[in-house]
C-alpha atoms as a PDB file:
ATOM      1  CA  MET A   1      13.213  -2.586  -6.224  1.00  0.00           C
ATOM      2  CA  LEU A   2      10.341  -4.888  -7.457  1.00  0.00           C
ATOM      3  CA  ALA A   3       8.969  -2.373 -10.124  1.00  0.00           C
ATOM      4  CA  LEU A   4      10.267   0.870 -11.431  1.00  0.00           C
ATOM      5  CA  HIS A   5       9.088   3.530 -13.869  1.00  0.00           C
ATOM      6  CA  GLU A   6      11.050   6.793 -14.102  1.00  0.00           C
ATOM      7  CA  PRO A   7      10.025   9.644 -16.305  1.00  0.00           C
ATOM      8  CA  GLN A   8      12.235  10.663 -19.274  1.00  0.00           C
ATOM      9  CA  SER A   9      11.241  13.124 -21.947  1.00  0.00           C
ATOM     10  CA  ASP A  10      12.580  16.249 -23.890  1.00  0.00           C
ATOM     11  CA  VAL A  11      11.778  18.335 -20.840  1.00  0.00           C
ATOM     12  CA  VAL A  12      12.289  15.931 -17.970  1.00  0.00           C
ATOM     13  CA  ARG A  13      15.474  13.972 -16.931  1.00  0.00           C
ATOM     14  CA  THR A  14      15.862  11.362 -14.146  1.00  0.00           C
ATOM     15  CA  ASP A  15      19.420  10.766 -12.941  1.00  0.00           C
ATOM     16  CA  SER A  16      19.143   7.529 -11.135  1.00  0.00           C
ATOM     17  CA  GLY A  17      21.053   4.379 -10.319  1.00  0.00           C
ATOM     18  CA  LEU A  18      17.895   2.207  -9.934  1.00  0.00           C
ATOM     19  CA  SER A  19      16.644  -0.725 -11.965  1.00  0.00           C
ATOM     20  CA  GLU A  20      14.062  -3.357 -11.278  1.00  0.00           C
ATOM     21  CA  GLY A  21      15.761  -5.963  -8.969  1.00  0.00           C
ATOM     22  CA  THR A  22      18.239  -3.685  -7.520  1.00  0.00           C
ATOM     23  CA  GLU A  23      18.605  -4.060  -3.596  1.00  0.00           C
ATOM     24  CA  VAL A  24      18.587  -0.878  -1.586  1.00  0.00           C
ATOM     25  CA  GLY A  25      20.415  -1.419   1.455  1.00  0.00           C
ATOM     26  CA  SER A  26      20.482   0.590   4.670  1.00  0.00           C
ATOM     27  CA  LEU A  27      24.255   1.416   4.903  1.00  0.00           C
ATOM     28  CA  TYR A  28      24.399   4.095   2.453  1.00  0.00           C
ATOM     29  CA  ASP A  29      23.097   7.678   1.428  1.00  0.00           C
ATOM     30  CA  PRO A  30      19.398   7.684   1.245  1.00  0.00           C
ATOM     31  CA  MET A  31      19.398   9.587  -2.153  1.00  0.00           C
ATOM     32  CA  LEU A  32      18.173   7.060  -4.759  1.00  0.00           C
ATOM     33  CA  SER A  33      17.690   9.413  -7.779  1.00  0.00           C
ATOM     34  CA  LYS A  34      17.074  12.964  -8.940  1.00  0.00           C
ATOM     35  CA  VAL A  35      14.119  14.179 -11.147  1.00  0.00           C
ATOM     36  CA  ILE A  36      14.744  17.410 -13.132  1.00  0.00           C
ATOM     37  CA  ALA A  37      12.307  19.457 -15.283  1.00  0.00           C
ATOM     38  CA  TYR A  38      13.128  22.195 -17.570  1.00  0.00           C
ATOM     39  CA  GLY A  39      10.635  24.978 -18.873  1.00  0.00           C
ATOM     40  CA  PRO A  40      10.639  28.557 -20.261  1.00  0.00           C
ATOM     41  CA  ASP A  41       9.700  29.917 -16.849  1.00  0.00           C
ATOM     42  CA  ARG A  42       9.438  28.700 -13.270  1.00  0.00           C
ATOM     43  CA  PRO A  43       5.631  27.957 -13.340  1.00  0.00           C
ATOM     44  CA  THR A  44       6.022  25.682 -16.273  1.00  0.00           C
ATOM     45  CA  ALA A  45       9.052  23.828 -14.925  1.00  0.00           C
ATOM     46  CA  LEU A  46       6.977  23.245 -11.649  1.00  0.00           C
ATOM     47  CA  ARG A  47       4.087  21.720 -13.544  1.00  0.00           C
ATOM     48  CA  ARG A  48       6.341  19.378 -15.226  1.00  0.00           C
ATOM     49  CA  LEU A  49       8.406  18.343 -12.248  1.00  0.00           C
ATOM     50  CA  ARG A  50       5.039  17.562 -10.486  1.00  0.00           C
ATOM     51  CA  ALA A  51       3.670  15.603 -13.397  1.00  0.00           C
ATOM     52  CA  ALA A  52       7.141  13.911 -13.641  1.00  0.00           C
ATOM     53  CA  LEU A  53       6.861  12.810  -9.962  1.00  0.00           C
ATOM     54  CA  ALA A  54       3.292  11.556 -10.459  1.00  0.00           C
ATOM     55  CA  GLU A  55       4.640   9.377 -13.014  1.00  0.00           C
ATOM     56  CA  THR A  56       7.433   7.919 -10.782  1.00  0.00           C
ATOM     57  CA  VAL A  57       6.877   4.390  -9.723  1.00  0.00           C
ATOM     58  CA  THR A  58       8.827   2.652  -7.035  1.00  0.00           C
ATOM     59  CA  LEU A  59       7.035  -0.472  -5.738  1.00  0.00           C
ATOM     60  CA  GLY A  60       9.268  -2.353  -3.174  1.00  0.00           C
ATOM     61  CA  VAL A  61      10.980   0.728  -1.693  1.00  0.00           C
ATOM     62  CA  GLN A  62       9.074   3.629  -0.273  1.00  0.00           C
ATOM     63  CA  THR A  63      10.293   6.954  -1.262  1.00  0.00           C
ATOM     64  CA  ASN A  64       9.327  10.718  -0.746  1.00  0.00           C
ATOM     65  CA  ALA A  65       8.214  11.094  -4.335  1.00  0.00           C
ATOM     66  CA  GLY A  66       4.636  11.778  -3.251  1.00  0.00           C
ATOM     67  CA  PHE A  67       5.785  14.172  -0.553  1.00  0.00           C
ATOM     68  CA  LEU A  68       7.715  16.206  -2.969  1.00  0.00           C
ATOM     69  CA  ARG A  69       4.816  16.290  -5.407  1.00  0.00           C
ATOM     70  CA  ARG A  70       2.586  17.873  -2.708  1.00  0.00           C
ATOM     71  CA  LEU A  71       5.357  20.208  -1.644  1.00  0.00           C
ATOM     72  CA  LEU A  72       5.606  21.523  -5.119  1.00  0.00           C
ATOM     73  CA  ALA A  73       1.856  22.147  -5.330  1.00  0.00           C
ATOM     74  CA  HIS A  74       1.894  24.121  -2.026  1.00  0.00           C
ATOM     75  CA  PRO A  75       0.849  27.812  -2.654  1.00  0.00           C
ATOM     76  CA  ALA A  76       4.109  29.016  -0.982  1.00  0.00           C
ATOM     77  CA  VAL A  77       6.307  26.939  -3.136  1.00  0.00           C
ATOM     78  CA  VAL A  78       4.327  28.080  -6.274  1.00  0.00           C
ATOM     79  CA  ALA A  79       4.676  31.655  -5.175  1.00  0.00           C
ATOM     80  CA  GLY A  80       8.248  31.359  -4.377  1.00  0.00           C
ATOM     81  CA  ASP A  81       7.637  32.298  -0.843  1.00  0.00           C
ATOM     82  CA  LEU A  82       9.761  29.785   1.204  1.00  0.00           C
ATOM     83  CA  ASP A  83      11.251  29.566   4.541  1.00  0.00           C
ATOM     84  CA  THR A  84      12.863  26.755   6.460  1.00  0.00           C
ATOM     85  CA  GLY A  85       9.646  26.311   8.601  1.00  0.00           C
ATOM     86  CA  LEU A  86       7.355  25.548   5.795  1.00  0.00           C
ATOM     87  CA  VAL A  87       7.354  21.664   6.078  1.00  0.00           C
ATOM     88  CA  GLU A  88       7.171  21.651   9.811  1.00  0.00           C
ATOM     89  CA  ARG A  89       4.071  23.998   9.766  1.00  0.00           C
ATOM     90  CA  GLU A  90       2.393  22.032   6.863  1.00  0.00           C
ATOM     91  CA  VAL A  91       3.426  18.599   7.673  1.00  0.00           C
ATOM     92  CA  ASP A  92      -0.089  17.127   8.110  1.00  0.00           C
ATOM     93  CA  GLY A  93      -0.993  17.940   4.669  1.00  0.00           C
ATOM     94  CA  LEU A  94       2.328  16.954   3.110  1.00  0.00           C
ATOM     95  CA  VAL A  95       2.786  13.581   4.593  1.00  0.00           C
ATOM     96  CA  ALA A  96       0.196  10.986   3.725  1.00  0.00           C
ATOM     97  CA  GLN A  97      -0.931   9.272   6.956  1.00  0.00           C
ATOM     98  CA  ALA A  98      -3.927   7.005   6.500  1.00  0.00           C
ATOM     99  CA  VAL A  99      -4.125   4.520   3.694  1.00  0.00           C
ATOM    100  CA  PRO A 100      -6.903   5.814   1.259  1.00  0.00           C
ATOM    101  CA  PRO A 101      -9.980   3.323   1.070  1.00  0.00           C
ATOM    102  CA  GLU A 102      -9.488   3.025  -2.542  1.00  0.00           C
ATOM    103  CA  VAL A 103      -6.030   1.574  -2.060  1.00  0.00           C
ATOM    104  CA  TYR A 104      -7.446  -1.254   0.015  1.00  0.00           C
ATOM    105  CA  ALA A 105     -10.216  -1.847  -2.598  1.00  0.00           C
ATOM    106  CA  ALA A 106      -7.627  -2.077  -5.252  1.00  0.00           C
ATOM    107  CA  ALA A 107      -5.496  -4.561  -3.230  1.00  0.00           C
ATOM    108  CA  ALA A 108      -8.545  -6.631  -2.500  1.00  0.00           C
ATOM    109  CA  LEU A 109      -9.590  -6.783  -6.258  1.00  0.00           C
ATOM    110  CA  LEU A 110      -6.034  -7.916  -7.417  1.00  0.00           C
ATOM    111  CA  ARG A 111      -6.123 -10.548  -4.729  1.00  0.00           C
ATOM    112  CA  HIS A 112      -9.505 -11.743  -5.572  1.00  0.00           C
ATOM    113  CA  ALA A 113      -8.575 -11.922  -9.249  1.00  0.00           C
ATOM    114  CA  ALA A 114      -5.525 -14.106  -8.331  1.00  0.00           C
ATOM    115  CA  LEU A 115      -7.833 -16.716  -6.831  1.00  0.00           C
ATOM    116  CA  GLY A 116      -9.239 -17.874 -10.022  1.00  0.00           C
ATOM    117  CA  PRO A 117      -8.210 -19.022 -13.573  1.00  0.00           C
ATOM    118  CA  GLN A 118      -7.336 -16.650 -16.347  1.00  0.00           C
ATOM    119  CA  ALA A 119     -10.749 -16.670 -17.699  1.00  0.00           C
ATOM    120  CA  SER A 120     -12.341 -15.758 -14.438  1.00  0.00           C
ATOM    121  CA  GLY A 121     -11.206 -12.141 -15.260  1.00  0.00           C
ATOM    122  CA  THR A 122      -7.748 -11.661 -13.711  1.00  0.00           C
ATOM    123  CA  SER A 123      -6.997  -9.681 -16.940  1.00  0.00           C
ATOM    124  CA  ASP A 124      -9.811  -9.802 -19.433  1.00  0.00           C
ATOM    125  CA  SER A 125     -10.550  -6.746 -21.628  1.00  0.00           C
ATOM    126  CA  SER A 126     -14.137  -6.500 -20.563  1.00  0.00           C
ATOM    127  CA  GLY A 127     -13.015  -5.817 -17.001  1.00  0.00           C
ATOM    128  CA  SER A 128     -15.408  -8.174 -15.030  1.00  0.00           C
ATOM    129  CA  PHE A 129     -14.734 -11.179 -13.016  1.00  0.00           C
ATOM    130  CA  GLY A 130     -16.463 -14.548 -13.895  1.00  0.00           C
ATOM    131  CA  THR A 131     -20.007 -13.945 -12.561  1.00  0.00           C
ATOM    132  CA  SER A 132     -22.418 -16.575 -13.924  1.00  0.00           C
ATOM    133  CA  GLY A 133     -25.811 -16.782 -12.376  1.00  0.00           C
ATOM    134  CA  SER A 134     -25.182 -20.394 -11.712  1.00  0.00           C
ATOM    135  CA  PRO A 135     -22.246 -23.027 -11.446  1.00  0.00           C
ATOM    136  CA  GLY A 136     -23.470 -24.499 -15.082  1.00  0.00           C
ATOM    137  CA  THR A 137     -21.661 -21.591 -16.983  1.00  0.00           C
ATOM    138  CA  SER A 138     -18.594 -19.978 -16.548  1.00  0.00           C
ATOM    139  CA  GLY A 139     -19.511 -16.452 -17.400  1.00  0.00           C
ATOM    140  CA  ALA A 140     -15.918 -15.352 -17.813  1.00  0.00           C
ATOM    141  CA  SER A 141     -15.486 -15.134 -21.531  1.00  0.00           C
ATOM    142  CA  GLY A 142     -17.388 -14.607 -24.808  1.00  0.00           C
ATOM    143  CA  SER A 143     -15.587 -17.428 -26.497  1.00  0.00           C
ATOM    144  CA  SER A 144     -17.149 -20.876 -27.075  1.00  0.00           C
ATOM    145  CA  GLY A 145     -15.769 -24.423 -27.288  1.00  0.00           C
ATOM    146  CA  ALA A 146     -14.138 -26.946 -25.086  1.00  0.00           C
ATOM    147  CA  SER A 147     -11.001 -24.829 -24.627  1.00  0.00           C
ATOM    148  CA  ALA A 148     -13.086 -22.024 -23.347  1.00  0.00           C
ATOM    149  CA  TRP A 149     -14.636 -24.034 -20.567  1.00  0.00           C
ATOM    150  CA  VAL A 150     -13.770 -23.238 -17.152  1.00  0.00           C
ATOM    151  CA  ASP A 151     -14.473 -25.280 -14.013  1.00  0.00           C
ATOM    152  CA  PRO A 152     -17.168 -23.130 -12.515  1.00  0.00           C
ATOM    153  CA  PHE A 153     -16.161 -24.038  -8.851  1.00  0.00           C
ATOM    154  CA  SER A 154     -12.666 -22.534  -9.558  1.00  0.00           C
ATOM    155  CA  VAL A 155     -14.282 -19.180 -10.366  1.00  0.00           C
ATOM    156  CA  PRO A 156     -14.227 -16.985  -7.209  1.00  0.00           C
ATOM    157  CA  ASP A 157     -17.761 -15.633  -7.869  1.00  0.00           C
ATOM    158  CA  GLY A 158     -19.422 -16.372  -4.425  1.00  0.00           C
ATOM    159  CA  TRP A 159     -22.134 -18.600  -6.021  1.00  0.00           C
ATOM    160  CA  ARG A 160     -24.194 -20.749  -3.641  1.00  0.00           C
ATOM    161  CA  LEU A 161     -27.386 -22.773  -3.820  1.00  0.00           C
ATOM    162  CA  GLY A 162     -30.497 -20.995  -2.965  1.00  0.00           C
ATOM    163  CA  GLY A 163     -28.971 -17.894  -1.256  1.00  0.00           C
ATOM    164  CA  GLU A 164     -27.196 -14.593  -2.175  1.00  0.00           C
ATOM    165  CA  ARG A 165     -23.559 -14.698  -3.263  1.00  0.00           C
ATOM    166  CA  ALA A 166     -21.064 -15.189  -0.487  1.00  0.00           C
ATOM    167  CA  TRP A 167     -18.363 -12.697   0.412  1.00  0.00           C
ATOM    168  CA  THR A 168     -14.666 -13.495   0.191  1.00  0.00           C
ATOM    169  CA  ALA A 169     -12.563 -11.842   2.890  1.00  0.00           C
ATOM    170  CA  HIS A 170      -9.176 -10.518   2.130  1.00  0.00           C
ATOM    171  CA  HIS A 171      -6.916  -9.598   5.080  1.00  0.00           C
ATOM    172  CA  MET A 172      -4.180  -7.366   4.781  1.00  0.00           C
ATOM    173  CA  ARG A 173      -1.990  -5.090   6.900  1.00  0.00           C
ATOM    174  CA  PRO A 174      -0.243  -1.902   5.995  1.00  0.00           C
ATOM    175  CA  ALA A 175       2.947  -0.887   7.773  1.00  0.00           C
ATOM    176  CA  GLY A 176       2.601   0.163  11.197  1.00  0.00           C
ATOM    177  CA  GLN A 177      -1.033   0.080  11.179  1.00  0.00           C
ATOM    178  CA  ASP A 178      -3.869  -2.446  12.229  1.00  0.00           C
ATOM    179  CA  PRO A 179      -4.973  -5.247   9.956  1.00  0.00           C
ATOM    180  CA  VAL A 180      -7.778  -4.547   7.796  1.00  0.00           C
ATOM    181  CA  THR A 181     -10.350  -6.785   6.104  1.00  0.00           C
ATOM    182  CA  VAL A 182     -12.015  -6.193   2.487  1.00  0.00           C
ATOM    183  CA  ARG A 183     -14.757  -8.346   1.330  1.00  0.00           C
ATOM    184  CA  VAL A 184     -15.548  -8.834  -2.297  1.00  0.00           C
ATOM    185  CA  ARG A 185     -18.314 -10.622  -4.207  1.00  0.00           C
ATOM    186  CA  ALA A 186     -19.329 -11.077  -7.808  1.00  0.00           C
ATOM    187  CA  THR A 187     -22.598  -9.375  -9.021  1.00  0.00           C
ATOM    188  CA  ALA A 188     -24.938 -10.757 -11.404  1.00  0.00           C
ATOM    189  CA  ASP A 189     -24.323  -7.831 -13.901  1.00  0.00           C
ATOM    190  CA  GLY A 190     -20.705  -8.797 -14.490  1.00  0.00           C
ATOM    191  CA  GLY A 191     -19.101  -6.504 -11.911  1.00  0.00           C
ATOM    192  CA  VAL A 192     -18.074  -7.004  -8.090  1.00  0.00           C
ATOM    193  CA  GLU A 193     -19.014  -5.477  -4.610  1.00  0.00           C
ATOM    194  CA  LEU A 194     -16.692  -4.526  -2.072  1.00  0.00           C
ATOM    195  CA  LEU A 195     -17.263  -3.942   1.780  1.00  0.00           C
ATOM    196  CA  LEU A 196     -14.606  -2.220   3.670  1.00  0.00           C
ATOM    197  CA  ASP A 197     -14.795  -2.713   7.262  1.00  0.00           C
ATOM    198  CA  ASP A 198     -12.555  -2.489  10.462  1.00  0.00           C
ATOM    199  CA  GLY A 199     -13.077   1.264  11.113  1.00  0.00           C
ATOM    200  CA  LEU A 200     -13.201   2.183   7.370  1.00  0.00           C
ATOM    201  CA  PRO A 201     -16.314   3.941   5.903  1.00  0.00           C
ATOM    202  CA  PRO A 202     -18.352   1.294   4.400  1.00  0.00           C
ATOM    203  CA  LEU A 203     -18.151   1.111   0.610  1.00  0.00           C
ATOM    204  CA  ARG A 204     -20.322  -1.228  -1.554  1.00  0.00           C
ATOM    205  CA  GLY A 205     -20.759  -0.794  -5.401  1.00  0.00           C
ATOM    206  CA  THR A 206     -20.327  -2.615  -8.495  1.00  0.00           C
ATOM    207  CA  LEU A 207     -16.668  -2.287  -9.785  1.00  0.00           C
ATOM    208  CA  PRO A 208     -15.571  -3.086 -13.422  1.00  0.00           C
ATOM    209  CA  VAL A 209     -12.123  -3.931 -13.213  1.00  0.00           C
ATOM    210  CA  ALA A 210      -9.453  -3.780 -15.971  1.00  0.00           C
ATOM    211  CA  VAL A 211      -5.635  -4.747 -15.704  1.00  0.00           C
ATOM    212  CA  ALA A 212      -3.244  -3.793 -18.332  1.00  0.00           C
ATOM    213  CA  ALA A 213       0.412  -4.363 -18.743  1.00  0.00           C
ATOM    214  CA  ARG A 214       2.557  -1.188 -18.363  1.00  0.00           C
ATOM    215  CA  GLY A 215       5.852  -2.440 -19.056  1.00  0.00           C
ATOM    216  CA  GLY A 216       8.384  -4.000 -16.479  1.00  0.00           C
ATOM    217  CA  ALA A 217       7.061  -5.780 -13.427  1.00  0.00           C
ATOM    218  CA  ALA A 218       4.067  -3.638 -12.617  1.00  0.00           C
ATOM    219  CA  SER A 219       0.655  -3.360 -14.324  1.00  0.00           C
ATOM    220  CA  ARG A 220      -1.591  -0.599 -14.682  1.00  0.00           C
ATOM    221  CA  PHE A 221      -4.757  -1.267 -12.732  1.00  0.00           C
ATOM    222  CA  ALA A 222      -7.922   0.606 -13.109  1.00  0.00           C
ATOM    223  CA  PHE A 223     -11.385   0.459 -11.627  1.00  0.00           C
ATOM    224  CA  ARG A 224     -14.587   2.405 -10.725  1.00  0.00           C
ATOM    225  CA  LEU A 225     -15.421   3.010  -7.185  1.00  0.00           C
ATOM    226  CA  ASP A 226     -19.023   4.914  -6.704  1.00  0.00           C
ATOM    227  CA  GLY A 227     -18.586   6.467 -10.238  1.00  0.00           C
ATOM    228  CA  VAL A 228     -15.023   7.587  -9.907  1.00  0.00           C
ATOM    229  CA  THR A 229     -12.311   5.921 -11.725  1.00  0.00           C
ATOM    230  CA  HIS A 230      -9.042   5.108  -9.690  1.00  0.00           C
ATOM    231  CA  THR A 231      -5.699   4.107 -11.433  1.00  0.00           C
ATOM    232  CA  PHE A 232      -2.637   2.495  -9.830  1.00  0.00           C
ATOM    233  CA  ALA A 233       0.563   0.743 -10.740  1.00  0.00           C
ATOM    234  CA  ALA A 234       0.608  -2.571  -8.968  1.00  0.00           C
ATOM    235  CA  LEU A 235       2.118  -5.710  -8.616  1.00  0.00           C
ATOM    236  CA  PRO A 236      -0.007  -8.743  -9.795  1.00  0.00           C
ATOM    237  CA  ASP A 237      -0.479  -9.820  -6.267  1.00  0.00           C
ATOM    238  CA  GLY A 238      -1.722  -6.730  -4.805  1.00  0.00           C
ATOM    239  CA  THR A 239       1.101  -6.514  -2.078  1.00  0.00           C
ATOM    240  CA  TRP A 240       2.492  -3.251  -3.566  1.00  0.00           C
ATOM    241  CA  LEU A 241       0.415  -0.421  -5.142  1.00  0.00           C
ATOM    242  CA  GLY A 242       1.541   2.989  -6.324  1.00  0.00           C
ATOM    243  CA  ARG A 243      -0.221   6.274  -7.496  1.00  0.00           C
ATOM    244  CA  ASP A 244       1.089   9.828  -7.898  1.00  0.00           C
ATOM    245  CA  GLY A 245       4.443   9.104  -6.506  1.00  0.00           C
ATOM    246  CA  ASP A 246       3.006   7.427  -3.474  1.00  0.00           C
ATOM    247  CA  SER A 247       3.367   3.704  -2.749  1.00  0.00           C
ATOM    248  CA  TRP A 248       1.646   1.296  -0.415  1.00  0.00           C
ATOM    249  CA  HIS A 249       2.776  -1.962   0.894  1.00  0.00           C
ATOM    250  CA  LEU A 250      -0.067  -4.145   2.040  1.00  0.00           C
ATOM    251  CA  ARG A 251       1.113  -7.464   3.487  1.00  0.00           C
ATOM    252  CA  ASP A 252      -1.179 -10.512   3.634  1.00  0.00           C
ATOM    253  CA  HIS A 253      -2.441 -10.924   7.240  1.00  0.00           C
ATOM    254  CA  ASP A 254      -3.594 -14.405   8.471  1.00  0.00           C
ATOM    255  CA  PRO A 255      -5.765 -13.662  11.533  1.00  0.00           C
ATOM    256  CA  VAL A 256      -5.743 -17.135  12.742  1.00  0.00           C
ATOM    257  CA  ALA A 257      -1.926 -17.451  12.653  1.00  0.00           C
ATOM    258  CA  ALA A 258      -1.579 -14.034  14.339  1.00  0.00           C
ATOM    259  CA  SER A 259      -3.875 -14.931  17.057  1.00  0.00           C
ATOM    260  CA  LEU A 260      -1.709 -18.083  17.548  1.00  0.00           C
ATOM    261  CA  THR A 261       1.538 -16.448  17.613  1.00  0.00           C
ATOM    262  CA  GLY A 262       0.303 -13.551  19.610  1.00  0.00           C
ATOM    263  CA  ALA A 263       0.899 -11.163  16.744  1.00  0.00           C
ATOM    264  CA  ALA A 264      -2.779 -10.227  16.406  1.00  0.00           C
ATOM    265  CA  HIS A 265      -1.874  -6.818  17.915  1.00  0.00           C
ATOM    266  CA  SER A 266       0.741  -6.015  15.354  1.00  0.00           C
ATOM    267  CA  GLY A 267      -1.020  -2.752  14.335  1.00  0.00           C
ATOM    268  CA  VAL A 268      -1.049   0.622  16.061  1.00  0.00           C
ATOM    269  CA  ASP A 269       0.119  -0.983  19.548  1.00  0.00           C
ATOM    270  CA  SER A 270       3.266  -2.055  17.946  1.00  0.00           C
ATOM    271  CA  LEU A 271       6.492  -0.271  17.096  1.00  0.00           C
ATOM    272  CA  THR A 272       7.937  -1.149  13.632  1.00  0.00           C
ATOM    273  CA  ALA A 273      10.977  -0.488  11.738  1.00  0.00           C
ATOM    274  CA  PRO A 274      10.413   2.314   9.238  1.00  0.00           C
ATOM    275  CA  MET A 275      12.965   0.838   6.959  1.00  0.00           C
ATOM    276  CA  PRO A 276      15.858  -1.884   6.921  1.00  0.00           C
ATOM    277  CA  GLY A 277      18.555  -0.895   9.393  1.00  0.00           C
ATOM    278  CA  THR A 278      20.393  -1.501  12.690  1.00  0.00           C
ATOM    279  CA  VAL A 279      18.947  -0.936  16.142  1.00  0.00           C
ATOM    280  CA  THR A 280      21.435   1.410  18.039  1.00  0.00           C
ATOM    281  CA  VAL A 281      19.674   2.420  21.162  1.00  0.00           C
ATOM    282  CA  VAL A 282      17.093   0.727  23.406  1.00  0.00           C
ATOM    283  CA  LYS A 283      15.791   2.779  26.159  1.00  0.00           C
ATOM    284  CA  VAL A 284      13.099   0.492  27.668  1.00  0.00           C
ATOM    285  CA  ALA A 285      12.521  -3.000  29.009  1.00  0.00           C
ATOM    286  CA  VAL A 286       9.499  -5.197  29.356  1.00  0.00           C
ATOM    287  CA  GLY A 287       7.300  -4.010  31.869  1.00  0.00           C
ATOM    288  CA  ASP A 288       8.140  -0.258  31.687  1.00  0.00           C
ATOM    289  CA  GLU A 289       5.477   2.224  31.710  1.00  0.00           C
ATOM    290  CA  VAL A 290       5.767   4.760  28.947  1.00  0.00           C
ATOM    291  CA  ALA A 291       4.103   7.999  27.994  1.00  0.00           C
ATOM    292  CA  ALA A 292       2.575   9.000  24.609  1.00  0.00           C
ATOM    293  CA  GLY A 293       5.402  10.305  22.390  1.00  0.00           C
ATOM    294  CA  GLN A 294       8.272   9.146  24.643  1.00  0.00           C
ATOM    295  CA  SER A 295      11.376   8.221  22.653  1.00  0.00           C
ATOM    296  CA  LEU A 296      11.959   4.287  23.156  1.00  0.00           C
ATOM    297  CA  LEU A 297      14.364   3.101  20.444  1.00  0.00           C
ATOM    298  CA  VAL A 298      16.600   4.353  17.713  1.00  0.00           C
ATOM    299  CA  VAL A 299      17.173   2.688  14.543  1.00  0.00           C
ATOM    300  CA  GLU A 300      20.003   3.714  12.118  1.00  0.00           C
ATOM    301  CA  ALA A 301      19.368   3.237   8.496  1.00  0.00           C
ATOM    302  CA  MET A 302      20.982   5.187   5.361  1.00  0.00           C
ATOM    303  CA  LYS A 303      23.157   7.150   7.792  1.00  0.00           C
ATOM    304  CA  MET A 304      20.168   8.589   9.582  1.00  0.00           C
ATOM    305  CA  GLU A 305      18.820   8.007  12.926  1.00  0.00           C
ATOM    306  CA  HIS A 306      14.970   7.128  13.266  1.00  0.00           C
ATOM    307  CA  VAL A 307      13.774   7.757  16.715  1.00  0.00           C
ATOM    308  CA  ILE A 308      10.878   5.284  17.424  1.00  0.00           C
ATOM    309  CA  SER A 309       8.487   6.709  20.020  1.00  0.00           C
ATOM    310  CA  ALA A 310       5.417   5.271  21.977  1.00  0.00           C
ATOM    311  CA  PRO A 311       2.257   5.826  19.980  1.00  0.00           C
ATOM    312  CA  HIS A 312       0.204   6.207  23.327  1.00  0.00           C
ATOM    313  CA  ALA A 313       0.726   5.725  26.912  1.00  0.00           C
ATOM    314  CA  GLY A 314       0.826   2.215  28.231  1.00  0.00           C
ATOM    315  CA  THR A 315       3.293  -0.600  29.372  1.00  0.00           C
ATOM    316  CA  VAL A 316       6.105  -2.368  27.234  1.00  0.00           C
ATOM    317  CA  SER A 317       4.620  -5.752  26.899  1.00  0.00           C
ATOM    318  CA  GLU A 318       7.044  -7.154  24.191  1.00  0.00           C
ATOM    319  CA  LEU A 319      10.600  -6.278  23.389  1.00  0.00           C
ATOM    320  CA  ASP A 320      12.131  -8.000  20.450  1.00  0.00           C
ATOM    321  CA  VAL A 321      15.209  -6.234  19.766  1.00  0.00           C
ATOM    322  CA  THR A 322      18.646  -5.184  21.566  1.00  0.00           C
ATOM    323  CA  PRO A 323      21.319  -2.662  20.328  1.00  0.00           C
ATOM    324  CA  GLY A 324      22.954  -4.081  17.326  1.00  0.00           C
ATOM    325  CA  THR A 325      19.982  -6.039  16.079  1.00  0.00           C
ATOM    326  CA  THR A 326      19.539  -5.737  12.260  1.00  0.00           C
ATOM    327  CA  VAL A 327      15.979  -5.363  11.319  1.00  0.00           C
ATOM    328  CA  ALA A 328      13.836  -5.347   8.207  1.00  0.00           C
ATOM    329  CA  MET A 329      11.407  -2.809   6.947  1.00  0.00           C
ATOM    330  CA  ASP A 330       8.085  -3.229   9.101  1.00  0.00           C
ATOM    331  CA  GLN A 331       9.490  -5.577  11.427  1.00  0.00           C
ATOM    332  CA  VAL A 332       8.054  -5.484  14.959  1.00  0.00           C
ATOM    333  CA  LEU A 333      10.513  -4.008  17.511  1.00  0.00           C
ATOM    334  CA  ALA A 334       8.145  -3.745  20.381  1.00  0.00           C
ATOM    335  CA  VAL A 335       4.554  -3.765  21.625  1.00  0.00           C
ATOM    336  CA  ILE A 336       2.993  -1.231  23.820  1.00  0.00           C
ATOM    337  CA  THR A 337      -0.112  -2.262  25.626  1.00  0.00           C
ATOM    338  CA  PRO A 338      -2.638   0.689  26.085  1.00  0.00           C
ATOM    339  CA  ALA A 339      -3.130   2.027  29.598  1.00  0.00           C
ATOM    340  CA  GLU A 340      -6.973   1.592  29.121  1.00  0.00           C
ATOM    341  CA  GLU A 341      -6.532  -1.943  28.286  1.00  0.00           C
ATOM    342  CA  GLU A 342      -4.398  -2.530  31.271  1.00  0.00           C
ATOM    343  CA  THR A 343      -7.066  -1.113  33.729  1.00  0.00           C
ATOM    344  CA  ALA A 344     -10.076  -2.829  31.860  1.00  0.00           C
END
């Protein structure tokens, strides 16, 4: 557990065995904590419980806090009209699928801030990166004197002679998905611009940035995107972010190293471990043709069996595990080459 915040108040109690630095293994029951809310009536208790789940931060271990918050907001739960098929019927709206664009933007801004010295905007109160109009001034702080001088070539503001500012590319990959590139550059008015690509809607705009400590290992990170303020709990390096009970792990991705090692396809074509555990069943071999949704492997973790299925029809082109292999979260287990690529 890299960063943890659990709500406690007169009307909310969290029973938990967690603390920052706790190692969450795969050999025990999956329950990590309980969040309990009190109120004079059921609607009040539900509102307080949803708010408590939204405050919960668990960076380093992905939990179901966001799912539970969405479930408690479902009209059927609010009305008390429940049945055992509710989650299965509404799973698409309850389980977060795609990573929101603002999560990629936040991760890129944190990575960008880490490139330069403190004065370049990593956590200044004005909320802007160093964005001087030329390399002769730091543009990062209102203070003066020799101690305030910053080497302009250490500030990641994209300045270059005789042309528009350059983009800095930040490559990252969320668990089980294709790598994404977010480009960042400073603007003359003291903000930054972001360009998200690789299949994401292109978003560009001036984004004031602010980073403030929230206690523990995480920071409270806020920025504006197209006029909307987004706030996250985040690790300083941008690899883990959390909001409203959800958390995202965005690993750094080196496209050159990936192409040299053959791991460039480590996205939707690959099957990854959903959490640390042990592979108990392997049903395929390299060269086997599989159908979309076909069960290929089983990973046992926290006394539960996780069935790993083919994301699409194709051929098993890589198989990296055998029964008994211990795997880490997001470790690549196998790669499925899509059928259309084989015939192209």
